[in-house]
C-alpha atoms as a PDB file:
ATOM      1  CA  MET A   1     -14.456 -10.993   5.508  1.00  0.00           C
ATOM      2  CA  ILE A   2     -13.775  -7.690   6.846  1.00  0.00           C
ATOM      3  CA  ARG A   3     -14.506  -4.790   4.157  1.00  0.00           C
ATOM      4  CA  LYS A   4     -11.521  -2.441   2.885  1.00  0.00           C
ATOM      5  CA  SER A   5     -13.463   0.584   4.158  1.00  0.00           C
ATOM      6  CA  THR A   6     -13.346  -0.432   7.930  1.00  0.00           C
ATOM      7  CA  LEU A   7      -9.555  -1.163   7.696  1.00  0.00           C
ATOM      8  CA  LEU A   8      -9.093   2.205   5.577  1.00  0.00           C
ATOM      9  CA  LYS A   9     -10.700   4.146   8.551  1.00  0.00           C
ATOM     10  CA  TYR A  10      -7.907   2.809  11.104  1.00  0.00           C
ATOM     11  CA  ALA A  11      -5.420   3.711   8.481  1.00  0.00           C
ATOM     12  CA  ARG A  12      -6.740   7.050   7.642  1.00  0.00           C
ATOM     13  CA  SER A  13      -6.761   7.813  11.367  1.00  0.00           C
ATOM     14  CA  LEU A  14      -3.315   7.172  11.920  1.00  0.00           C
ATOM     15  CA  ALA A  15      -2.124   9.224   8.861  1.00  0.00           C
ATOM     16  CA  GLU A  16      -4.165  12.183   9.938  1.00  0.00           C
ATOM     17  CA  VAL A  17      -2.880  12.030  13.184  1.00  0.00           C
ATOM     18  CA  ALA A  18       0.737  11.515  12.357  1.00  0.00           C
ATOM     19  CA  ARG A  19       0.625  14.422   9.588  1.00  0.00           C
ATOM     20  CA  GLU A  20      -1.282  16.826  11.867  1.00  0.00           C
ATOM     21  CA  SER A  21       1.477  16.388  14.704  1.00  0.00           C
ATOM     22  CA  GLY A  22       4.323  16.590  12.255  1.00  0.00           C
ATOM     23  CA  LEU A  23       5.371  13.126  13.383  1.00  0.00           C
ATOM     24  CA  THR A  24       4.897  11.430   9.874  1.00  0.00           C
ATOM     25  CA  ALA A  25       8.437   9.977   9.492  1.00  0.00           C
ATOM     26  CA  LYS A  26       8.538   8.657  13.059  1.00  0.00           C
ATOM     27  CA  VAL A  27       5.254   6.974  12.981  1.00  0.00           C
ATOM     28  CA  LYS A  28       5.882   5.814   9.242  1.00  0.00           C
ATOM     29  CA  SER A  29       9.193   4.205  10.321  1.00  0.00           C
ATOM     30  CA  ASP A  30       7.507   2.728  13.617  1.00  0.00           C
ATOM     31  CA  PHE A  31       4.613   1.227  11.646  1.00  0.00           C
ATOM     32  CA  ASP A  32       6.960   0.010   8.742  1.00  0.00           C
ATOM     33  CA  SER A  33       8.816  -1.889  11.688  1.00  0.00           C
ATOM     34  CA  LEU A  34       5.522  -3.494  12.860  1.00  0.00           C
ATOM     35  CA  ALA A  35       4.362  -4.408   9.454  1.00  0.00           C
ATOM     36  CA  ALA A  36       8.063  -5.971   8.609  1.00  0.00           C
ATOM     37  CA  ILE A  37       7.494  -7.837  11.992  1.00  0.00           C
ATOM     38  CA  ALA A  38       4.075  -9.018  10.819  1.00  0.00           C
ATOM     39  CA  ARG A  39       5.375 -10.285   7.499  1.00  0.00           C
ATOM     40  CA  ASP A  40       8.755 -11.870   8.693  1.00  0.00           C
ATOM     41  CA  ILE A  41       7.945 -13.564  11.676  1.00  0.00           C
ATOM     42  CA  PRO A  42       4.891 -15.906  11.288  1.00  0.00           C
ATOM     43  CA  GLU A  43       5.024 -16.634  15.223  1.00  0.00           C
ATOM     44  CA  PHE A  44       3.800 -13.173  15.947  1.00  0.00           C
ATOM     45  CA  MET A  45       0.861 -13.341  13.399  1.00  0.00           C
ATOM     46  CA  GLN A  46       0.123 -16.910  14.511  1.00  0.00           C
ATOM     47  CA  VAL A  47      -0.300 -15.458  18.385  1.00  0.00           C
ATOM     48  CA  MET A  48      -2.160 -12.465  17.494  1.00  0.00           C
ATOM     49  CA  ARG A  49      -4.634 -14.282  15.137  1.00  0.00           C
ATOM     50  CA  ASN A  50      -5.215 -17.161  17.704  1.00  0.00           C
ATOM     51  CA  PRO A  51      -8.685 -16.931  19.626  1.00  0.00           C
ATOM     52  CA  VAL A  52      -7.466 -18.864  22.323  1.00  0.00           C
ATOM     53  CA  VAL A  53      -4.720 -16.485  23.290  1.00  0.00           C
ATOM     54  CA  ALA A  54      -5.999 -14.170  25.884  1.00  0.00           C
ATOM     55  CA  LEU A  55      -6.433 -10.414  25.022  1.00  0.00           C
ATOM     56  CA  SER A  56      -4.058  -9.607  28.298  1.00  0.00           C
ATOM     57  CA  ALA A  57      -1.372 -11.609  26.531  1.00  0.00           C
ATOM     58  CA  LYS A  58      -1.797 -10.217  23.112  1.00  0.00           C
ATOM     59  CA  THR A  59      -1.474  -6.487  24.716  1.00  0.00           C
ATOM     60  CA  GLY A  60       1.435  -7.864  26.758  1.00  0.00           C
ATOM     61  CA  VAL A  61       3.339  -8.831  23.302  1.00  0.00           C
ATOM     62  CA  VAL A  62       2.575  -5.243  22.276  1.00  0.00           C
ATOM     63  CA  ASP A  63       3.859  -3.871  25.508  1.00  0.00           C
ATOM     64  CA  VAL A  64       7.188  -5.606  24.765  1.00  0.00           C
ATOM     65  CA  LEU A  65       7.239  -4.379  21.243  1.00  0.00           C
ATOM     66  CA  ASP A  66       6.606  -0.940  22.384  1.00  0.00           C
ATOM     67  CA  ARG A  67       9.561  -1.301  24.858  1.00  0.00           C
ATOM     68  CA  LYS A  68      12.005  -3.037  22.690  1.00  0.00           C
ATOM     69  CA  LEU A  69      11.196  -0.583  19.360  1.00  0.00           C
ATOM     70  CA  GLY A  70      10.883   2.531  21.058  1.00  0.00           C
ATOM     71  CA  LEU A  71       7.749   2.846  19.502  1.00  0.00           C
ATOM     72  CA  HIS A  72       6.192   6.405  19.397  1.00  0.00           C
ATOM     73  CA  PRO A  73       2.990   6.318  21.837  1.00  0.00           C
ATOM     74  CA  TYR A  74       0.626   6.952  19.042  1.00  0.00           C
ATOM     75  CA  VAL A  75       1.572   3.848  17.313  1.00  0.00           C
ATOM     76  CA  ALA A  76       1.947   1.826  20.308  1.00  0.00           C
ATOM     77  CA  GLU A  77      -1.782   2.797  21.478  1.00  0.00           C
ATOM     78  CA  PHE A  78      -2.993   2.452  17.654  1.00  0.00           C
ATOM     79  CA  LEU A  79      -1.497  -1.173  17.912  1.00  0.00           C
ATOM     80  CA  ARG A  80      -3.367  -1.832  21.124  1.00  0.00           C
ATOM     81  CA  VAL A  81      -6.376  -0.706  19.828  1.00  0.00           C
ATOM     82  CA  LEU A  82      -6.148  -3.134  16.951  1.00  0.00           C
ATOM     83  CA  VAL A  83      -5.592  -5.866  19.366  1.00  0.00           C
ATOM     84  CA  ARG A  84      -8.667  -4.608  21.598  1.00  0.00           C
ATOM     85  CA  GLN A  85     -10.819  -4.267  18.287  1.00  0.00           C
ATOM     86  CA  HIS A  86      -9.786  -7.706  16.918  1.00  0.00           C
ATOM     87  CA  ARG A  87      -8.261  -5.945  13.912  1.00  0.00           C
ATOM     88  CA  ILE A  88      -4.569  -7.039  14.384  1.00  0.00           C
ATOM     89  CA  MET A  89      -4.810  -9.720  12.027  1.00  0.00           C
ATOM     90  CA  HIS A  90      -5.183  -7.407   9.273  1.00  0.00           C
ATOM     91  CA  LEU A  91      -2.039  -5.416  10.289  1.00  0.00           C
ATOM     92  CA  THR A  92      -0.121  -5.662   6.989  1.00  0.00           C
ATOM     93  CA  ALA A  93      -3.362  -4.515   4.953  1.00  0.00           C
ATOM     94  CA  ILE A  94      -3.878  -1.623   7.241  1.00  0.00           C
ATOM     95  CA  HIS A  95       0.036  -0.704   6.715  1.00  0.00           C
ATOM     96  CA  GLU A  96      -0.463  -0.941   2.639  1.00  0.00           C
ATOM     97  CA  LEU A  97      -3.920   1.492   3.324  1.00  0.00           C
ATOM     98  CA  PHE A  98      -1.857   3.940   5.784  1.00  0.00           C
ATOM     99  CA  GLU A  99       1.213   4.383   3.021  1.00  0.00           C
ATOM    100  CA  GLU A 100      -1.647   5.236   0.394  1.00  0.00           C
ATOM    101  CA  GLU A 101      -3.106   7.571   2.825  1.00  0.00           C
ATOM    102  CA  LEU A 102       0.159   9.270   3.513  1.00  0.00           C
ATOM    103  CA  ASP A 103       0.617   9.801  -0.128  1.00  0.00           C
ATOM    104  CA  ARG A 104      -2.957  10.917  -0.744  1.00  0.00           C
ATOM    105  CA  LEU A 105      -2.377  13.403   2.244  1.00  0.00           C
ATOM    106  CA  ALA A 106       0.930  14.554   0.575  1.00  0.00           C
ATOM    107  CA  GLY A 107      -0.885  15.026  -2.976  1.00  0.00           C
ATOM    108  CA  VAL A 108       1.312  12.148  -4.469  1.00  0.00           C
ATOM    109  CA  LEU A 109      -0.367   9.762  -6.902  1.00  0.00           C
ATOM    110  CA  LYS A 110       0.350   6.078  -6.988  1.00  0.00           C
ATOM    111  CA  THR A 111       1.501   5.402 -10.597  1.00  0.00           C
ATOM    112  CA  ARG A 112       2.157   1.994 -12.232  1.00  0.00           C
ATOM    113  CA  VAL A 113       3.547   1.501 -15.835  1.00  0.00           C
ATOM    114  CA  VAL A 114       3.180  -1.795 -17.452  1.00  0.00           C
ATOM    115  CA  THR A 115       5.232  -2.238 -20.640  1.00  0.00           C
ATOM    116  CA  ALA A 116       5.893  -5.444 -22.858  1.00  0.00           C
ATOM    117  CA  ARG A 117       9.709  -4.526 -22.587  1.00  0.00           C
ATOM    118  CA  PRO A 118      11.309  -3.121 -19.649  1.00  0.00           C
ATOM    119  CA  LEU A 119      12.020   0.735 -19.269  1.00  0.00           C
ATOM    120  CA  GLU A 120      15.156   1.485 -18.140  1.00  0.00           C
ATOM    121  CA  GLY A 121      17.094   4.720 -17.453  1.00  0.00           C
ATOM    122  CA  ALA A 122      16.446   7.916 -19.532  1.00  0.00           C
ATOM    123  CA  ALA A 123      13.070   6.429 -20.964  1.00  0.00           C
ATOM    124  CA  LEU A 124      11.788   5.558 -17.681  1.00  0.00           C
ATOM    125  CA  GLU A 125      12.866   8.875 -16.071  1.00  0.00           C
ATOM    126  CA  ARG A 126      11.505  10.878 -19.124  1.00  0.00           C
ATOM    127  CA  LEU A 127       8.081   9.240 -18.637  1.00  0.00           C
ATOM    128  CA  HIS A 128       8.084   9.758 -15.145  1.00  0.00           C
ATOM    129  CA  ARG A 129       8.701  13.461 -15.808  1.00  0.00           C
ATOM    130  CA  GLU A 130       6.098  13.796 -18.402  1.00  0.00           C
ATOM    131  CA  LEU A 131       3.319  11.758 -16.452  1.00  0.00           C
ATOM    132  CA  ALA A 132       4.090  14.071 -13.086  1.00  0.00           C
ATOM    133  CA  GLY A 133       3.893  17.479 -15.384  1.00  0.00           C
ATOM    134  CA  ARG A 134       0.645  16.194 -17.208  1.00  0.00           C
ATOM    135  CA  LEU A 135      -1.376  15.003 -13.940  1.00  0.00           C
ATOM    136  CA  GLY A 136      -0.029  18.125 -11.938  1.00  0.00           C
ATOM    137  CA  HIS A 137       1.149  15.993  -8.989  1.00  0.00           C
ATOM    138  CA  ALA A 138       4.107  14.238  -7.577  1.00  0.00           C
ATOM    139  CA  LEU A 139       4.068  10.425  -8.194  1.00  0.00           C
ATOM    140  CA  THR A 140       5.261   7.303  -6.779  1.00  0.00           C
ATOM    141  CA  PHE A 141       6.335   5.540  -9.790  1.00  0.00           C
ATOM    142  CA  GLU A 142       6.499   1.589 -10.392  1.00  0.00           C
ATOM    143  CA  SER A 143       7.274   0.160 -13.476  1.00  0.00           C
ATOM    144  CA  ALA A 144       6.547  -3.531 -14.822  1.00  0.00           C
ATOM    145  CA  VAL A 145       6.915  -6.089 -17.338  1.00  0.00           C
ATOM    146  CA  GLU A 146       4.213  -8.092 -19.132  1.00  0.00           C
ATOM    147  CA  PRO A 147       5.550  -9.437 -22.497  1.00  0.00           C
ATOM    148  CA  ASN A 148       1.987 -10.302 -23.524  1.00  0.00           C
ATOM    149  CA  LEU A 149       1.229  -6.797 -24.015  1.00  0.00           C
ATOM    150  CA  ILE A 150       2.991  -6.997 -27.159  1.00  0.00           C
ATOM    151  CA  GLY A 151       3.774  -3.137 -27.236  1.00  0.00           C
ATOM    152  CA  GLY A 152       2.796   0.124 -26.103  1.00  0.00           C
ATOM    153  CA  LEU A 153       1.733   0.549 -22.352  1.00  0.00           C
ATOM    154  CA  LYS A 154      -0.477   0.060 -19.620  1.00  0.00           C
ATOM    155  CA  LEU A 155      -0.897   2.731 -17.036  1.00  0.00           C
ATOM    156  CA  GLU A 156      -2.581   2.813 -13.766  1.00  0.00           C
ATOM    157  CA  VAL A 157      -3.254   5.960 -11.889  1.00  0.00           C
ATOM    158  CA  ALA A 158      -4.646   6.096  -8.345  1.00  0.00           C
ATOM    159  CA  GLY A 159      -6.488   3.113  -8.979  1.00  0.00           C
ATOM    160  CA  LYS A 160      -7.729   3.812 -12.783  1.00  0.00           C
ATOM    161  CA  VAL A 161      -6.412   1.972 -15.742  1.00  0.00           C
ATOM    162  CA  TYR A 162      -5.474   3.396 -18.751  1.00  0.00           C
ATOM    163  CA  ASP A 163      -4.486   0.701 -21.341  1.00  0.00           C
ATOM    164  CA  GLY A 164      -2.730   1.681 -24.926  1.00  0.00           C
ATOM    165  CA  SER A 165      -1.336  -1.940 -25.368  1.00  0.00           C
ATOM    166  CA  VAL A 166      -1.048  -3.653 -28.382  1.00  0.00           C
ATOM    167  CA  ARG A 167      -2.672  -6.560 -26.920  1.00  0.00           C
ATOM    168  CA  LEU A 168      -6.020  -4.792 -26.206  1.00  0.00           C
ATOM    169  CA  GLN A 169      -5.907  -3.460 -29.641  1.00  0.00           C
ATOM    170  CA  LEU A 170      -5.686  -6.882 -31.094  1.00  0.00           C
ATOM    171  CA  ASP A 171      -8.317  -7.753 -28.901  1.00  0.00           C
ATOM    172  CA  ARG A 172     -10.764  -5.206 -30.067  1.00  0.00           C
ATOM    173  CA  LEU A 173      -9.990  -5.903 -33.569  1.00  0.00           C
ATOM    174  CA  LYS A 174     -10.670  -9.748 -32.929  1.00  0.00           C
ATOM    175  CA  SER A 175     -13.934  -9.039 -31.241  1.00  0.00           C
ATOM    176  CA  LEU A 176     -15.078  -6.799 -34.329  1.00  0.00           C
ATOM    177  CA  ILE A 177     -14.005  -9.485 -36.651  1.00  0.00           C
ATOM    178  CA  VAL A 178     -15.734 -12.242 -34.710  1.00  0.00           C
ATOM    179  CA  SER A 179     -19.053 -10.393 -34.149  1.00  0.00           C
ATOM    180  CA  ASP A 180     -19.367  -9.763 -37.935  1.00  0.00           C
END
């Protein structure tokens, strides 16, 4: 199993080069296309993962993708590096880390709000606005529903979880009662 920190080095390198050269949108678009191919065409990843398939054949596949998709040279060469370093099988994981790095470089915090019932419209927008104001950052905002929370909410910001759910409070109360 490969470490996340190893994959992060690849993602961070591409994100930094894209940002420094002012090509973030093009590089992201190309990498998004490649990640979609990796997800949606299982045969692509089967070939890339197969140790019997020669490195030259895998590089040939990259060359075809480069021509067909019109990849930016940074992305095409990045893909070739992944093939040469036997990291291509981690393309989708690197893509996710790449997106997180772009957000980090842009000062955007990834935020996820989990509630017992769906938040919609004005309530969701108000929560997003208040969180952005309190945190002092732009946010990517995702919401989810977990009915077992009963009430309140759970907030995940940049990998940290803040749990203000009724479920957590009940669990704490239960542990106090049981421990006595």
